[in-house]
Amino acid sequence: MIRFSLLPRGFRKVVGALRSDLVRQFMLESLLLNLAALILSFGIAYALSPSFNNLMGRRVILGFQMTGRYWLLFSGLLASGAILS
């Protein structure tokens, strides 16, 4: 996987960045990448729902008025994806 960042980690290390700075940069990049993937997946699901409804022959309601339990699940997926990557 190719990652783009403002300053490469090797350069920051040579310049004198602390280990905690490098870890913070890596975690922030992982969180932003996972957040972008989550937003993209919501967009794709929303865009493809009419085609899916036609294929299945029934109406599946896709809305963002989900209960707090689902938002908690998505937040957990976002956090675990950022930590595991």
PDB file of N, CA and C in Angstrom:
ATOM      1  N   MET A   1       0.838  -1.159   0.000  1.00  0.00           N
ATOM      2  CA  MET A   1       0.000   0.000   0.000  1.00  0.00           C
ATOM      3  C   MET A   1       0.892   1.234   0.000  1.00  0.00           C
ATOM      4  N   ILE A   2       0.553   2.191  -0.806  1.00  0.00           N
ATOM      5  CA  ILE A   2       1.326   3.432  -0.888  1.00  0.00           C
ATOM      6  C   ILE A   2       0.688   4.452   0.036  1.00  0.00           C
ATOM      7  N   ARG A   3       1.492   5.048   0.877  1.00  0.00           N
ATOM      8  CA  ARG A   3       0.998   6.084   1.780  1.00  0.00           C
ATOM      9  C   ARG A   3       1.658   7.400   1.420  1.00  0.00           C
ATOM     10  N   PHE A   4       0.864   8.442   1.427  1.00  0.00           N
ATOM     11  CA  PHE A   4       1.373   9.778   1.167  1.00  0.00           C
ATOM     12  C   PHE A   4       1.309  10.566   2.465  1.00  0.00           C
ATOM     13  N   SER A   5       2.365  11.258   2.778  1.00  0.00           N
ATOM     14  CA  SER A   5       2.376  12.111   3.961  1.00  0.00           C
ATOM     15  C   SER A   5       3.135  13.386   3.636  1.00  0.00           C
ATOM     16  N   LEU A   6       2.985  14.356   4.510  1.00  0.00           N
ATOM     17  CA  LEU A   6       3.646  15.633   4.277  1.00  0.00           C
ATOM     18  C   LEU A   6       5.159  15.492   4.319  1.00  0.00           C
ATOM     19  N   LEU A   7       5.666  14.839   5.315  1.00  0.00           N
ATOM     20  CA  LEU A   7       7.099  14.576   5.413  1.00  0.00           C
ATOM     21  C   LEU A   7       7.308  13.089   5.649  1.00  0.00           C
ATOM     22  N   PRO A   8       8.137  12.445   4.861  1.00  0.00           N
ATOM     23  CA  PRO A   8       8.394  11.026   5.087  1.00  0.00           C
ATOM     24  C   PRO A   8       8.984  10.788   6.479  1.00  0.00           C
ATOM     25  N   ARG A   9       8.666   9.631   7.016  1.00  0.00           N
ATOM     26  CA  ARG A   9       9.111   9.315   8.381  1.00  0.00           C
ATOM     27  C   ARG A   9      10.636   9.289   8.494  1.00  0.00           C
ATOM     28  N   GLY A  10      11.297   8.779   7.488  1.00  0.00           N
ATOM     29  CA  GLY A  10      12.759   8.720   7.534  1.00  0.00           C
ATOM     30  C   GLY A  10      13.381  10.102   7.618  1.00  0.00           C
ATOM     31  N   PHE A  11      12.840  11.031   6.867  1.00  0.00           N
ATOM     32  CA  PHE A  11      13.340  12.407   6.899  1.00  0.00           C
ATOM     33  C   PHE A  11      13.101  13.031   8.267  1.00  0.00           C
ATOM     34  N   ARG A  12      11.939  12.808   8.811  1.00  0.00           N
ATOM     35  CA  ARG A  12      11.628  13.371  10.136  1.00  0.00           C
ATOM     36  C   ARG A  12      12.543  12.780  11.203  1.00  0.00           C
ATOM     37  N   LYS A  13      12.864  11.507  11.065  1.00  0.00           N
ATOM     38  CA  LYS A  13      13.755  10.854  12.029  1.00  0.00           C
ATOM     39  C   LYS A  13      15.160  11.452  11.946  1.00  0.00           C
ATOM     40  N   VAL A  14      15.643  11.682  10.725  1.00  0.00           N
ATOM     41  CA  VAL A  14      16.975  12.258  10.537  1.00  0.00           C
ATOM     42  C   VAL A  14      17.026  13.673  11.097  1.00  0.00           C
ATOM     43  N   VAL A  15      15.961  14.439  10.894  1.00  0.00           N
ATOM     44  CA  VAL A  15      15.922  15.817  11.363  1.00  0.00           C
ATOM     45  C   VAL A  15      15.877  15.869  12.890  1.00  0.00           C
ATOM     46  N   GLY A  16      15.410  14.815  13.516  1.00  0.00           N
ATOM     47  CA  GLY A  16      15.420  14.781  14.973  1.00  0.00           C
ATOM     48  C   GLY A  16      14.064  14.642  15.621  1.00  0.00           C
ATOM     49  N   ALA A  17      13.094  14.128  14.902  1.00  0.00           N
ATOM     50  CA  ALA A  17      11.773  13.935  15.481  1.00  0.00           C
ATOM     51  C   ALA A  17      11.825  12.855  16.554  1.00  0.00           C
ATOM     52  N   LEU A  18      11.026  13.045  17.565  1.00  0.00           N
ATOM     53  CA  LEU A  18      10.951  12.055  18.636  1.00  0.00           C
ATOM     54  C   LEU A  18      10.129  10.858  18.191  1.00  0.00           C
ATOM     55  N   ARG A  19      10.324   9.771  18.877  1.00  0.00           N
ATOM     56  CA  ARG A  19       9.568   8.561  18.557  1.00  0.00           C
ATOM     57  C   ARG A  19       8.066   8.795  18.720  1.00  0.00           C
ATOM     58  N   SER A  20       7.692   9.548  19.750  1.00  0.00           N
ATOM     59  CA  SER A  20       6.270   9.818  19.980  1.00  0.00           C
ATOM     60  C   SER A  20       5.677  10.642  18.833  1.00  0.00           C
ATOM     61  N   ASP A  21       6.477  11.530  18.237  1.00  0.00           N
ATOM     62  CA  ASP A  21       6.006  12.303  17.088  1.00  0.00           C
ATOM     63  C   ASP A  21       5.755  11.395  15.889  1.00  0.00           C
ATOM     64  N   LEU A  22       6.648  10.448  15.681  1.00  0.00           N
ATOM     65  CA  LEU A  22       6.484   9.519  14.562  1.00  0.00           C
ATOM     66  C   LEU A  22       5.272   8.618  14.759  1.00  0.00           C
ATOM     67  N   VAL A  23       5.078   8.146  15.986  1.00  0.00           N
ATOM     68  CA  VAL A  23       3.914   7.304  16.288  1.00  0.00           C
ATOM     69  C   VAL A  23       2.640   8.109  16.101  1.00  0.00           C
ATOM     70  N   ARG A  24       2.631   9.347  16.561  1.00  0.00           N
ATOM     71  CA  ARG A  24       1.454  10.209  16.418  1.00  0.00           C
ATOM     72  C   ARG A  24       1.147  10.453  14.939  1.00  0.00           C
ATOM     73  N   GLN A  25       2.167  10.692  14.128  1.00  0.00           N
ATOM     74  CA  GLN A  25       1.953  10.904  12.701  1.00  0.00           C
ATOM     75  C   GLN A  25       1.383   9.642  12.054  1.00  0.00           C
ATOM     76  N   PHE A  26       1.939   8.498  12.384  1.00  0.00           N
ATOM     77  CA  PHE A  26       1.464   7.245  11.814  1.00  0.00           C
ATOM     78  C   PHE A  26       0.022   6.975  12.207  1.00  0.00           C
ATOM     79  N   MET A  27      -0.327   7.196  13.470  1.00  0.00           N
ATOM     80  CA  MET A  27      -1.692   6.949  13.931  1.00  0.00           C
ATOM     81  C   MET A  27      -2.683   7.911  13.271  1.00  0.00           C
ATOM     82  N   LEU A  28      -2.278   9.170  13.105  1.00  0.00           N
ATOM     83  CA  LEU A  28      -3.151  10.139  12.459  1.00  0.00           C
ATOM     84  C   LEU A  28      -3.378   9.776  10.995  1.00  0.00           C
ATOM     85  N   GLU A  29      -2.321   9.357  10.300  1.00  0.00           N
ATOM     86  CA  GLU A  29      -2.472   8.931   8.912  1.00  0.00           C
ATOM     87  C   GLU A  29      -3.387   7.713   8.814  1.00  0.00           C
ATOM     88  N   SER A  30      -3.244   6.768   9.727  1.00  0.00           N
ATOM     89  CA  SER A  30      -4.091   5.576   9.716  1.00  0.00           C
ATOM     90  C   SER A  30      -5.544   5.938   9.985  1.00  0.00           C
ATOM     91  N   LEU A  31      -5.769   6.830  10.935  1.00  0.00           N
ATOM     92  CA  LEU A  31      -7.130   7.248  11.261  1.00  0.00           C
ATOM     93  C   LEU A  31      -7.776   7.966  10.074  1.00  0.00           C
ATOM     94  N   LEU A  32      -7.042   8.862   9.430  1.00  0.00           N
ATOM     95  CA  LEU A  32      -7.595   9.587   8.288  1.00  0.00           C
ATOM     96  C   LEU A  32      -7.871   8.654   7.110  1.00  0.00           C
ATOM     97  N   LEU A  33      -6.996   7.692   6.893  1.00  0.00           N
ATOM     98  CA  LEU A  33      -7.202   6.731   5.814  1.00  0.00           C
ATOM     99  C   LEU A  33      -8.437   5.868   6.083  1.00  0.00           C
ATOM    100  N   ASN A  34      -8.604   5.421   7.318  1.00  0.00           N
ATOM    101  CA  ASN A  34      -9.775   4.621   7.672  1.00  0.00           C
ATOM    102  C   ASN A  34     -11.056   5.447   7.628  1.00  0.00           C
ATOM    103  N   LEU A  35     -10.983   6.705   8.010  1.00  0.00           N
ATOM    104  CA  LEU A  35     -12.153   7.583   7.941  1.00  0.00           C
ATOM    105  C   LEU A  35     -12.566   7.806   6.485  1.00  0.00           C
ATOM    106  N   ALA A  36     -11.590   8.012   5.614  1.00  0.00           N
ATOM    107  CA  ALA A  36     -11.890   8.178   4.189  1.00  0.00           C
ATOM    108  C   ALA A  36     -12.527   6.903   3.625  1.00  0.00           C
ATOM    109  N   ALA A  37     -12.031   5.747   4.029  1.00  0.00           N
ATOM    110  CA  ALA A  37     -12.597   4.481   3.561  1.00  0.00           C
ATOM    111  C   ALA A  37     -14.028   4.301   4.066  1.00  0.00           C
ATOM    112  N   LEU A  38     -14.303   4.702   5.301  1.00  0.00           N
ATOM    113  CA  LEU A  38     -15.648   4.581   5.856  1.00  0.00           C
ATOM    114  C   LEU A  38     -16.614   5.504   5.121  1.00  0.00           C
ATOM    115  N   ILE A  39     -16.197   6.735   4.864  1.00  0.00           N
ATOM    116  CA  ILE A  39     -17.047   7.684   4.136  1.00  0.00           C
ATOM    117  C   ILE A  39     -17.284   7.200   2.705  1.00  0.00           C
ATOM    118  N   LEU A  40     -16.233   6.696   2.064  1.00  0.00           N
ATOM    119  CA  LEU A  40     -16.361   6.161   0.714  1.00  0.00           C
ATOM    120  C   LEU A  40     -17.311   4.961   0.674  1.00  0.00           C
ATOM    121  N   SER A  41     -17.239   4.092   1.665  1.00  0.00           N
ATOM    122  CA  SER A  41     -18.125   2.928   1.689  1.00  0.00           C
ATOM    123  C   SER A  41     -19.577   3.340   1.901  1.00  0.00           C
ATOM    124  N   PHE A  42     -19.831   4.354   2.745  1.00  0.00           N
ATOM    125  CA  PHE A  42     -21.197   4.865   2.895  1.00  0.00           C
ATOM    126  C   PHE A  42     -21.703   5.424   1.565  1.00  0.00           C
ATOM    127  N   GLY A  43     -20.856   6.174   0.867  1.00  0.00           N
ATOM    128  CA  GLY A  43     -21.251   6.751  -0.415  1.00  0.00           C
ATOM    129  C   GLY A  43     -21.552   5.690  -1.457  1.00  0.00           C
ATOM    130  N   ILE A  44     -20.724   4.668  -1.527  1.00  0.00           N
ATOM    131  CA  ILE A  44     -20.943   3.581  -2.487  1.00  0.00           C
ATOM    132  C   ILE A  44     -22.217   2.823  -2.154  1.00  0.00           C
ATOM    133  N   ALA A  45     -22.444   2.541  -0.878  1.00  0.00           N
ATOM    134  CA  ALA A  45     -23.660   1.831  -0.469  1.00  0.00           C
ATOM    135  C   ALA A  45     -24.902   2.651  -0.798  1.00  0.00           C
ATOM    136  N   TYR A  46     -24.831   3.957  -0.572  1.00  0.00           N
ATOM    137  CA  TYR A  46     -25.965   4.831  -0.858  1.00  0.00           C
ATOM    138  C   TYR A  46     -26.217   4.924  -2.362  1.00  0.00           C
ATOM    139  N   ALA A  47     -25.147   4.997  -3.161  1.00  0.00           N
ATOM    140  CA  ALA A  47     -25.291   5.113  -4.609  1.00  0.00           C
ATOM    141  C   ALA A  47     -25.794   3.826  -5.249  1.00  0.00           C
ATOM    142  N   LEU A  48     -25.404   2.682  -4.697  1.00  0.00           N
ATOM    143  CA  LEU A  48     -25.787   1.399  -5.291  1.00  0.00           C
ATOM    144  C   LEU A  48     -27.073   0.810  -4.720  1.00  0.00           C
ATOM    145  N   SER A  49     -27.671   1.457  -3.730  1.00  0.00           N
ATOM    146  CA  SER A  49     -28.875   0.893  -3.119  1.00  0.00           C
ATOM    147  C   SER A  49     -30.050   0.775  -4.092  1.00  0.00           C
ATOM    148  N   PRO A  50     -30.303   1.727  -5.026  1.00  0.00           N
ATOM    149  CA  PRO A  50     -31.402   1.503  -5.973  1.00  0.00           C
ATOM    150  C   PRO A  50     -31.183   0.264  -6.858  1.00  0.00           C
ATOM    151  N   SER A  51     -29.964   0.064  -7.320  1.00  0.00           N
ATOM    152  CA  SER A  51     -29.668  -1.123  -8.137  1.00  0.00           C
ATOM    153  C   SER A  51     -29.831  -2.395  -7.317  1.00  0.00           C
ATOM    154  N   PHE A  52     -29.404  -2.344  -6.070  1.00  0.00           N
ATOM    155  CA  PHE A  52     -29.550  -3.512  -5.197  1.00  0.00           C
ATOM    156  C   PHE A  52     -31.022  -3.809  -4.947  1.00  0.00           C
ATOM    157  N   ASN A  53     -31.822  -2.760  -4.747  1.00  0.00           N
ATOM    158  CA  ASN A  53     -33.257  -2.956  -4.539  1.00  0.00           C
ATOM    159  C   ASN A  53     -33.906  -3.603  -5.763  1.00  0.00           C
ATOM    160  N   ASN A  54     -33.536  -3.163  -6.962  1.00  0.00           N
ATOM    161  CA  ASN A  54     -34.074  -3.770  -8.187  1.00  0.00           C
ATOM    162  C   ASN A  54     -33.637  -5.214  -8.322  1.00  0.00           C
ATOM    163  N   LEU A  55     -32.403  -5.502  -8.001  1.00  0.00           N
ATOM    164  CA  LEU A  55     -31.888  -6.862  -8.106  1.00  0.00           C
ATOM    165  C   LEU A  55     -32.592  -7.803  -7.141  1.00  0.00           C
ATOM    166  N   MET A  56     -32.823  -7.344  -5.925  1.00  0.00           N
ATOM    167  CA  MET A  56     -33.448  -8.186  -4.915  1.00  0.00           C
ATOM    168  C   MET A  56     -34.971  -8.235  -5.042  1.00  0.00           C
ATOM    169  N   GLY A  57     -35.553  -7.272  -5.735  1.00  0.00           N
ATOM    170  CA  GLY A  57     -37.001  -7.272  -5.901  1.00  0.00           C
ATOM    171  C   GLY A  57     -37.740  -6.787  -4.667  1.00  0.00           C
ATOM    172  N   ARG A  58     -37.072  -6.147  -3.784  1.00  0.00           N
ATOM    173  CA  ARG A  58     -37.710  -5.596  -2.589  1.00  0.00           C
ATOM    174  C   ARG A  58     -37.022  -4.300  -2.219  1.00  0.00           C
ATOM    175  N   ARG A  59     -37.649  -3.541  -1.376  1.00  0.00           N
ATOM    176  CA  ARG A  59     -37.106  -2.240  -1.010  1.00  0.00           C
ATOM    177  C   ARG A  59     -36.347  -2.350   0.307  1.00  0.00           C
ATOM    178  N   VAL A  60     -35.075  -2.063   0.242  1.00  0.00           N
ATOM    179  CA  VAL A  60     -34.234  -2.015   1.432  1.00  0.00           C
ATOM    180  C   VAL A  60     -33.990  -0.544   1.739  1.00  0.00           C
ATOM    181  N   ILE A  61     -34.382  -0.127   2.904  1.00  0.00           N
ATOM    182  CA  ILE A  61     -34.243   1.276   3.274  1.00  0.00           C
ATOM    183  C   ILE A  61     -32.832   1.510   3.778  1.00  0.00           C
ATOM    184  N   LEU A  62     -32.165   2.450   3.150  1.00  0.00           N
ATOM    185  CA  LEU A  62     -30.812   2.812   3.557  1.00  0.00           C
ATOM    186  C   LEU A  62     -30.839   4.272   3.952  1.00  0.00           C
ATOM    187  N   GLY A  63     -30.724   4.515   5.207  1.00  0.00           N
ATOM    188  CA  GLY A  63     -30.736   5.885   5.677  1.00  0.00           C
ATOM    189  C   GLY A  63     -29.708   6.071   6.767  1.00  0.00           C
ATOM    190  N   PHE A  64     -29.410   7.294   7.044  1.00  0.00           N
ATOM    191  CA  PHE A  64     -28.432   7.572   8.078  1.00  0.00           C
ATOM    192  C   PHE A  64     -29.107   7.899   9.400  1.00  0.00           C
ATOM    193  N   GLN A  65     -30.363   7.489   9.540  1.00  0.00           N
ATOM    194  CA  GLN A  65     -31.058   7.658  10.800  1.00  0.00           C
ATOM    195  C   GLN A  65     -30.947   6.366  11.615  1.00  0.00           C
ATOM    196  N   MET A  66     -29.757   5.820  11.662  1.00  0.00           N
ATOM    197  CA  MET A  66     -29.529   4.579  12.377  1.00  0.00           C
ATOM    198  C   MET A  66     -29.455   4.848  13.878  1.00  0.00           C
ATOM    199  N   THR A  67     -29.676   3.809  14.631  1.00  0.00           N
ATOM    200  CA  THR A  67     -29.634   3.946  16.084  1.00  0.00           C
ATOM    201  C   THR A  67     -28.201   4.155  16.555  1.00  0.00           C
ATOM    202  N   GLY A  68     -28.065   4.562  17.782  1.00  0.00           N
ATOM    203  CA  GLY A  68     -26.757   4.800  18.357  1.00  0.00           C
ATOM    204  C   GLY A  68     -25.899   3.548  18.401  1.00  0.00           C
ATOM    205  N   ARG A  69     -26.538   2.397  18.451  1.00  0.00           N
ATOM    206  CA  ARG A  69     -25.804   1.138  18.487  1.00  0.00           C
ATOM    207  C   ARG A  69     -24.987   0.929  17.210  1.00  0.00           C
ATOM    208  N   TYR A  70     -25.576   1.270  16.055  1.00  0.00           N
ATOM    209  CA  TYR A  70     -24.855   1.133  14.793  1.00  0.00           C
ATOM    210  C   TYR A  70     -23.721   2.140  14.682  1.00  0.00           C
ATOM    211  N   TRP A  71     -23.970   3.379  15.111  1.00  0.00           N
ATOM    212  CA  TRP A  71     -22.910   4.388  15.077  1.00  0.00           C
ATOM    213  C   TRP A  71     -21.767   3.994  16.003  1.00  0.00           C
ATOM    214  N   LEU A  72     -22.088   3.375  17.123  1.00  0.00           N
ATOM    215  CA  LEU A  72     -21.055   2.875  18.030  1.00  0.00           C
ATOM    216  C   LEU A  72     -20.252   1.765  17.360  1.00  0.00           C
ATOM    217  N   LEU A  73     -20.942   0.894  16.627  1.00  0.00           N
ATOM    218  CA  LEU A  73     -20.261  -0.175  15.898  1.00  0.00           C
ATOM    219  C   LEU A  73     -19.322   0.404  14.839  1.00  0.00           C
ATOM    220  N   PHE A  74     -19.799   1.388  14.073  1.00  0.00           N
ATOM    221  CA  PHE A  74     -18.953   2.009  13.052  1.00  0.00           C
ATOM    222  C   PHE A  74     -17.776   2.746  13.671  1.00  0.00           C
ATOM    223  N   SER A  75     -17.994   3.388  14.802  1.00  0.00           N
ATOM    224  CA  SER A  75     -16.888   4.065  15.494  1.00  0.00           C
ATOM    225  C   SER A  75     -15.856   3.050  15.970  1.00  0.00           C
ATOM    226  N   GLY A  76     -16.326   1.904  16.469  1.00  0.00           N
ATOM    227  CA  GLY A  76     -15.415   0.852  16.891  1.00  0.00           C
ATOM    228  C   GLY A  76     -14.624   0.278  15.735  1.00  0.00           C
ATOM    229  N   LEU A  77     -15.286   0.103  14.584  1.00  0.00           N
ATOM    230  CA  LEU A  77     -14.583  -0.377  13.397  1.00  0.00           C
ATOM    231  C   LEU A  77     -13.531   0.624  12.942  1.00  0.00           C
ATOM    232  N   LEU A  78     -13.874   1.895  12.993  1.00  0.00           N
ATOM    233  CA  LEU A  78     -12.931   2.950  12.607  1.00  0.00           C
ATOM    234  C   LEU A  78     -11.712   2.945  13.531  1.00  0.00           C
ATOM    235  N   ALA A  79     -11.952   2.887  14.819  1.00  0.00           N
ATOM    236  CA  ALA A  79     -10.849   2.905  15.786  1.00  0.00           C
ATOM    237  C   ALA A  79      -9.991   1.643  15.671  1.00  0.00           C
ATOM    238  N   SER A  80     -10.636   0.477  15.566  1.00  0.00           N
ATOM    239  CA  SER A  80      -9.853  -0.762  15.483  1.00  0.00           C
ATOM    240  C   SER A  80      -9.085  -0.831  14.166  1.00  0.00           C
ATOM    241  N   GLY A  81      -9.664  -0.335  13.081  1.00  0.00           N
ATOM    242  CA  GLY A  81      -8.942  -0.308  11.807  1.00  0.00           C
ATOM    243  C   GLY A  81      -7.733   0.604  11.880  1.00  0.00           C
ATOM    244  N   ALA A  82      -7.877   1.749  12.555  1.00  0.00           N
ATOM    245  CA  ALA A  82      -6.756   2.674  12.672  1.00  0.00           C
ATOM    246  C   ALA A  82      -5.643   2.078  13.545  1.00  0.00           C
ATOM    247  N   ILE A  83      -6.033   1.408  14.615  1.00  0.00           N
ATOM    248  CA  ILE A  83      -5.031   0.829  15.516  1.00  0.00           C
ATOM    249  C   ILE A  83      -4.341  -0.377  14.865  1.00  0.00           C
ATOM    250  N   LEU A  84      -5.108  -1.222  14.200  1.00  0.00           N
ATOM    251  CA  LEU A  84      -4.521  -2.427  13.605  1.00  0.00           C
ATOM    252  C   LEU A  84      -3.686  -2.145  12.353  1.00  0.00           C
ATOM    253  N   SER A  85      -3.953  -1.032  11.698  1.00  0.00           N
ATOM    254  CA  SER A  85      -3.154  -0.739  10.507  1.00  0.00           C
ATOM    255  C   SER A  85      -1.885  -0.045  10.942  1.00  0.00           C
TER     256      SER A  85
END
